[in-house]
Amino acid sequence: MSPTRAGAHGPRPRNPFPDRARHRCRPSERGSGTVLALGLGLVVIMAGAVLLLLAQSAVAASRAAAAADLAALAAADAARGITPGEPCAVAREVALKNNAAMVACSEGPGATVQVRTELGAGPFLGAATGLARAGPPPAPGRGSTP
């Protein structure tokens, strides 16, 4: 027998795998590539969402810290008499101008002021907080090195 069969249009090569002629894959595996691609796409979308939430929380923490720093500096200036006003009231105004809420304000020794602020970070993250203390520089000979 020859490796080719004669047909209506001439000889055609014989299939070396006759059992695979009808189905290229088993019927139970049809569509598995689609499911795998959808699963991989879902993983990529979820990873992107997590990265977006992390970036949003980092920005909120930075803004809360900046608001606390600025409020503490303004309050320390008011405590030293450089600017008019009561230190904690000045700190509250500065925090509000930076879209943050002042949670706590305490005056310490030597015209130092400590301020804690809070800033909303979104519906999924809650609130970011910032803490800062400001005051005059230390006097020479007290905690400073030449």
C-alpha atoms as a PDB file:
ATOM      1  CA  MET A   1       0.000   0.000   0.000  1.00  0.00           C
ATOM      2  CA  SER A   2       1.269   3.424  -0.829  1.00  0.00           C
ATOM      3  CA  PRO A   3       1.333   6.309   1.701  1.00  0.00           C
ATOM      4  CA  THR A   4      -1.115   8.308  -0.414  1.00  0.00           C
ATOM      5  CA  ARG A   5      -4.690   7.626  -1.443  1.00  0.00           C
ATOM      6  CA  ALA A   6      -6.117   8.558  -4.772  1.00  0.00           C
ATOM      7  CA  GLY A   7      -9.114  10.831  -4.546  1.00  0.00           C
ATOM      8  CA  ALA A   8     -11.291  12.861  -6.848  1.00  0.00           C
ATOM      9  CA  HIS A   9      -8.639  15.571  -7.115  1.00  0.00           C
ATOM     10  CA  GLY A  10      -5.604  13.373  -7.204  1.00  0.00           C
ATOM     11  CA  PRO A  11      -3.413  11.838  -4.550  1.00  0.00           C
ATOM     12  CA  ARG A  12      -3.514  13.324  -1.077  1.00  0.00           C
ATOM     13  CA  PRO A  13      -1.177  12.588   1.849  1.00  0.00           C
ATOM     14  CA  ARG A  14      -2.361  10.125   4.449  1.00  0.00           C
ATOM     15  CA  ASN A  15      -2.951  11.422   7.982  1.00  0.00           C
ATOM     16  CA  PRO A  16      -0.214   9.953  10.236  1.00  0.00           C
ATOM     17  CA  PHE A  17      -2.515  10.394  13.291  1.00  0.00           C
ATOM     18  CA  PRO A  18      -5.968   9.161  12.288  1.00  0.00           C
ATOM     19  CA  ASP A  19      -7.338   9.242  15.864  1.00  0.00           C
ATOM     20  CA  ARG A  20      -6.709  13.030  16.112  1.00  0.00           C
ATOM     21  CA  ALA A  21      -8.339  13.914  12.822  1.00  0.00           C
ATOM     22  CA  ARG A  22     -11.726  14.994  14.180  1.00  0.00           C
ATOM     23  CA  HIS A  23     -10.878  16.798  17.425  1.00  0.00           C
ATOM     24  CA  ARG A  24      -7.793  18.841  18.046  1.00  0.00           C
ATOM     25  CA  CYS A  25      -8.401  18.899  21.809  1.00  0.00           C
ATOM     26  CA  ARG A  26     -10.607  16.960  24.150  1.00  0.00           C
ATOM     27  CA  PRO A  27     -14.122  18.363  24.497  1.00  0.00           C
ATOM     28  CA  SER A  28     -13.623  18.869  28.255  1.00  0.00           C
ATOM     29  CA  GLU A  29     -10.740  21.294  27.599  1.00  0.00           C
ATOM     30  CA  ARG A  30     -12.580  23.545  25.148  1.00  0.00           C
ATOM     31  CA  GLY A  31     -12.672  27.151  26.442  1.00  0.00           C
ATOM     32  CA  SER A  32     -10.035  26.606  29.118  1.00  0.00           C
ATOM     33  CA  GLY A  33      -7.760  29.189  27.514  1.00  0.00           C
ATOM     34  CA  THR A  34     -10.503  31.808  27.788  1.00  0.00           C
ATOM     35  CA  VAL A  35     -11.024  31.055  31.473  1.00  0.00           C
ATOM     36  CA  LEU A  36      -7.278  31.243  32.068  1.00  0.00           C
ATOM     37  CA  ALA A  37      -7.030  34.608  30.261  1.00  0.00           C
ATOM     38  CA  LEU A  38      -9.973  36.013  32.249  1.00  0.00           C
ATOM     39  CA  GLY A  39      -8.407  34.845  35.514  1.00  0.00           C
ATOM     40  CA  LEU A  40      -5.080  36.433  34.611  1.00  0.00           C
ATOM     41  CA  GLY A  41      -6.821  39.676  33.673  1.00  0.00           C
ATOM     42  CA  LEU A  42      -8.631  39.711  37.022  1.00  0.00           C
ATOM     43  CA  VAL A  43      -5.337  39.240  38.885  1.00  0.00           C
ATOM     44  CA  VAL A  44      -3.775  42.157  36.986  1.00  0.00           C
ATOM     45  CA  ILE A  45      -6.772  44.408  37.733  1.00  0.00           C
ATOM     46  CA  MET A  46      -6.702  43.511  41.443  1.00  0.00           C
ATOM     47  CA  ALA A  47      -2.951  44.193  41.665  1.00  0.00           C
ATOM     48  CA  GLY A  48      -3.501  47.583  40.026  1.00  0.00           C
ATOM     49  CA  ALA A  49      -6.271  48.415  42.503  1.00  0.00           C
ATOM     50  CA  VAL A  50      -4.061  47.505  45.465  1.00  0.00           C
ATOM     51  CA  LEU A  51      -1.230  49.661  44.122  1.00  0.00           C
ATOM     52  CA  LEU A  52      -3.641  52.552  43.621  1.00  0.00           C
ATOM     53  CA  LEU A  53      -4.870  52.287  47.226  1.00  0.00           C
ATOM     54  CA  LEU A  54      -1.289  52.186  48.529  1.00  0.00           C
ATOM     55  CA  ALA A  55      -0.397  55.291  46.542  1.00  0.00           C
ATOM     56  CA  GLN A  56      -3.506  57.073  47.795  1.00  0.00           C
ATOM     57  CA  SER A  57      -2.678  56.246  51.413  1.00  0.00           C
ATOM     58  CA  ALA A  58       0.907  57.473  50.994  1.00  0.00           C
ATOM     59  CA  VAL A  59      -0.308  60.787  49.569  1.00  0.00           C
ATOM     60  CA  ALA A  60      -2.827  61.219  52.399  1.00  0.00           C
ATOM     61  CA  ALA A  61      -0.177  60.481  55.048  1.00  0.00           C
ATOM     62  CA  SER A  62       2.163  63.016  53.455  1.00  0.00           C
ATOM     63  CA  ARG A  63      -0.539  65.693  53.369  1.00  0.00           C
ATOM     64  CA  ALA A  64      -1.505  65.055  57.009  1.00  0.00           C
ATOM     65  CA  ALA A  65       2.141  65.301  58.080  1.00  0.00           C
ATOM     66  CA  ALA A  66       2.623  68.518  56.111  1.00  0.00           C
ATOM     67  CA  ALA A  67      -0.507  70.031  57.667  1.00  0.00           C
ATOM     68  CA  ALA A  68       0.768  69.102  61.151  1.00  0.00           C
ATOM     69  CA  ASP A  69       4.209  70.592  60.434  1.00  0.00           C
ATOM     70  CA  LEU A  70       2.806  73.875  59.180  1.00  0.00           C
ATOM     71  CA  ALA A  71       0.295  74.150  62.031  1.00  0.00           C
ATOM     72  CA  ALA A  72       2.983  73.445  64.646  1.00  0.00           C
ATOM     73  CA  LEU A  73       5.332  76.032  63.149  1.00  0.00           C
ATOM     74  CA  ALA A  74       2.599  78.683  63.087  1.00  0.00           C
ATOM     75  CA  ALA A  75       1.570  77.829  66.650  1.00  0.00           C
ATOM     76  CA  ALA A  76       5.185  78.027  67.848  1.00  0.00           C
ATOM     77  CA  ASP A  77       5.529  81.475  66.283  1.00  0.00           C
ATOM     78  CA  ALA A  78       2.370  82.557  68.113  1.00  0.00           C
ATOM     79  CA  ALA A  79       3.651  81.064  71.387  1.00  0.00           C
ATOM     80  CA  ARG A  80       6.882  83.057  71.073  1.00  0.00           C
ATOM     81  CA  GLY A  81       4.998  86.261  70.291  1.00  0.00           C
ATOM     82  CA  ILE A  82       6.299  86.552  66.735  1.00  0.00           C
ATOM     83  CA  THR A  83       2.765  86.456  65.307  1.00  0.00           C
ATOM     84  CA  PRO A  84      -0.464  87.496  67.046  1.00  0.00           C
ATOM     85  CA  GLY A  85      -3.011  85.020  68.350  1.00  0.00           C
ATOM     86  CA  GLU A  86      -3.418  82.104  70.707  1.00  0.00           C
ATOM     87  CA  PRO A  87      -1.118  79.222  69.580  1.00  0.00           C
ATOM     88  CA  CYS A  88      -3.743  76.455  69.333  1.00  0.00           C
ATOM     89  CA  ALA A  89      -6.240  78.729  67.552  1.00  0.00           C
ATOM     90  CA  VAL A  90      -3.556  79.651  65.021  1.00  0.00           C
ATOM     91  CA  ALA A  91      -2.699  75.966  64.567  1.00  0.00           C
ATOM     92  CA  ARG A  92      -6.375  75.121  63.972  1.00  0.00           C
ATOM     93  CA  GLU A  93      -6.642  77.819  61.263  1.00  0.00           C
ATOM     94  CA  VAL A  94      -3.513  76.606  59.491  1.00  0.00           C
ATOM     95  CA  ALA A  95      -4.670  72.977  59.631  1.00  0.00           C
ATOM     96  CA  LEU A  96      -8.046  73.924  58.147  1.00  0.00           C
ATOM     97  CA  LYS A  97      -6.351  75.850  55.337  1.00  0.00           C
ATOM     98  CA  ASN A  98      -4.519  72.606  54.521  1.00  0.00           C
ATOM     99  CA  ASN A  99      -7.777  70.586  54.446  1.00  0.00           C
ATOM    100  CA  ALA A 100      -6.986  68.819  57.717  1.00  0.00           C
ATOM    101  CA  ALA A 101      -8.664  68.788  61.104  1.00  0.00           C
ATOM    102  CA  MET A 102      -6.657  69.530  64.221  1.00  0.00           C
ATOM    103  CA  VAL A 103      -7.208  66.669  66.678  1.00  0.00           C
ATOM    104  CA  ALA A 104      -4.946  67.809  69.508  1.00  0.00           C
ATOM    105  CA  CYS A 105      -2.787  70.776  70.414  1.00  0.00           C
ATOM    106  CA  SER A 106      -0.626  71.129  73.508  1.00  0.00           C
ATOM    107  CA  GLU A 107       1.808  73.794  74.572  1.00  0.00           C
ATOM    108  CA  GLY A 108       4.993  72.573  76.195  1.00  0.00           C
ATOM    109  CA  PRO A 109       7.882  74.150  78.032  1.00  0.00           C
ATOM    110  CA  GLY A 110      10.003  76.768  76.297  1.00  0.00           C
ATOM    111  CA  ALA A 111       7.295  77.902  73.836  1.00  0.00           C
ATOM    112  CA  THR A 112       7.106  74.503  72.134  1.00  0.00           C
ATOM    113  CA  VAL A 113       3.828  73.330  70.645  1.00  0.00           C
ATOM    114  CA  GLN A 114       2.778  69.810  69.619  1.00  0.00           C
ATOM    115  CA  VAL A 115      -0.018  69.433  67.061  1.00  0.00           C
ATOM    116  CA  ARG A 116      -1.841  66.317  65.832  1.00  0.00           C
ATOM    117  CA  THR A 117      -3.870  66.550  62.605  1.00  0.00           C
ATOM    118  CA  GLU A 118      -6.210  64.199  60.774  1.00  0.00           C
ATOM    119  CA  LEU A 119      -7.014  64.085  57.090  1.00  0.00           C
ATOM    120  CA  GLY A 120      -9.641  61.936  55.359  1.00  0.00           C
ATOM    121  CA  ALA A 121      -7.948  59.484  52.985  1.00  0.00           C
ATOM    122  CA  GLY A 122     -11.042  58.157  51.220  1.00  0.00           C
ATOM    123  CA  PRO A 123     -13.841  55.686  51.834  1.00  0.00           C
ATOM    124  CA  PHE A 124     -11.618  52.591  51.859  1.00  0.00           C
ATOM    125  CA  LEU A 125      -8.662  53.923  53.835  1.00  0.00           C
ATOM    126  CA  GLY A 126     -10.134  55.955  56.682  1.00  0.00           C
ATOM    127  CA  ALA A 127      -8.092  58.852  58.018  1.00  0.00           C
ATOM    128  CA  ALA A 128      -4.394  59.695  57.919  1.00  0.00           C
ATOM    129  CA  THR A 129      -2.820  61.397  60.928  1.00  0.00           C
ATOM    130  CA  GLY A 130       0.129  63.701  61.295  1.00  0.00           C
ATOM    131  CA  LEU A 131       2.070  64.697  64.409  1.00  0.00           C
ATOM    132  CA  ALA A 132       4.547  67.570  64.690  1.00  0.00           C
ATOM    133  CA  ARG A 133       6.289  69.556  67.398  1.00  0.00           C
ATOM    134  CA  ALA A 134       7.854  72.962  66.891  1.00  0.00           C
ATOM    135  CA  GLY A 135       9.526  75.583  69.003  1.00  0.00           C
ATOM    136  CA  PRO A 136      12.550  77.812  69.267  1.00  0.00           C
ATOM    137  CA  PRO A 137      15.984  76.360  68.622  1.00  0.00           C
ATOM    138  CA  PRO A 138      17.779  74.992  71.679  1.00  0.00           C
ATOM    139  CA  ALA A 139      19.947  77.444  73.600  1.00  0.00           C
ATOM    140  CA  PRO A 140      23.709  77.149  73.094  1.00  0.00           C
ATOM    141  CA  GLY A 141      25.136  74.568  75.448  1.00  0.00           C
ATOM    142  CA  ARG A 142      21.787  72.788  75.898  1.00  0.00           C
ATOM    143  CA  GLY A 143      21.664  69.732  73.681  1.00  0.00           C
ATOM    144  CA  SER A 144      23.445  71.263  70.717  1.00  0.00           C
ATOM    145  CA  THR A 145      26.883  70.399  69.448  1.00  0.00           C
ATOM    146  CA  PRO A 146      29.293  73.000  68.110  1.00  0.00           C
END
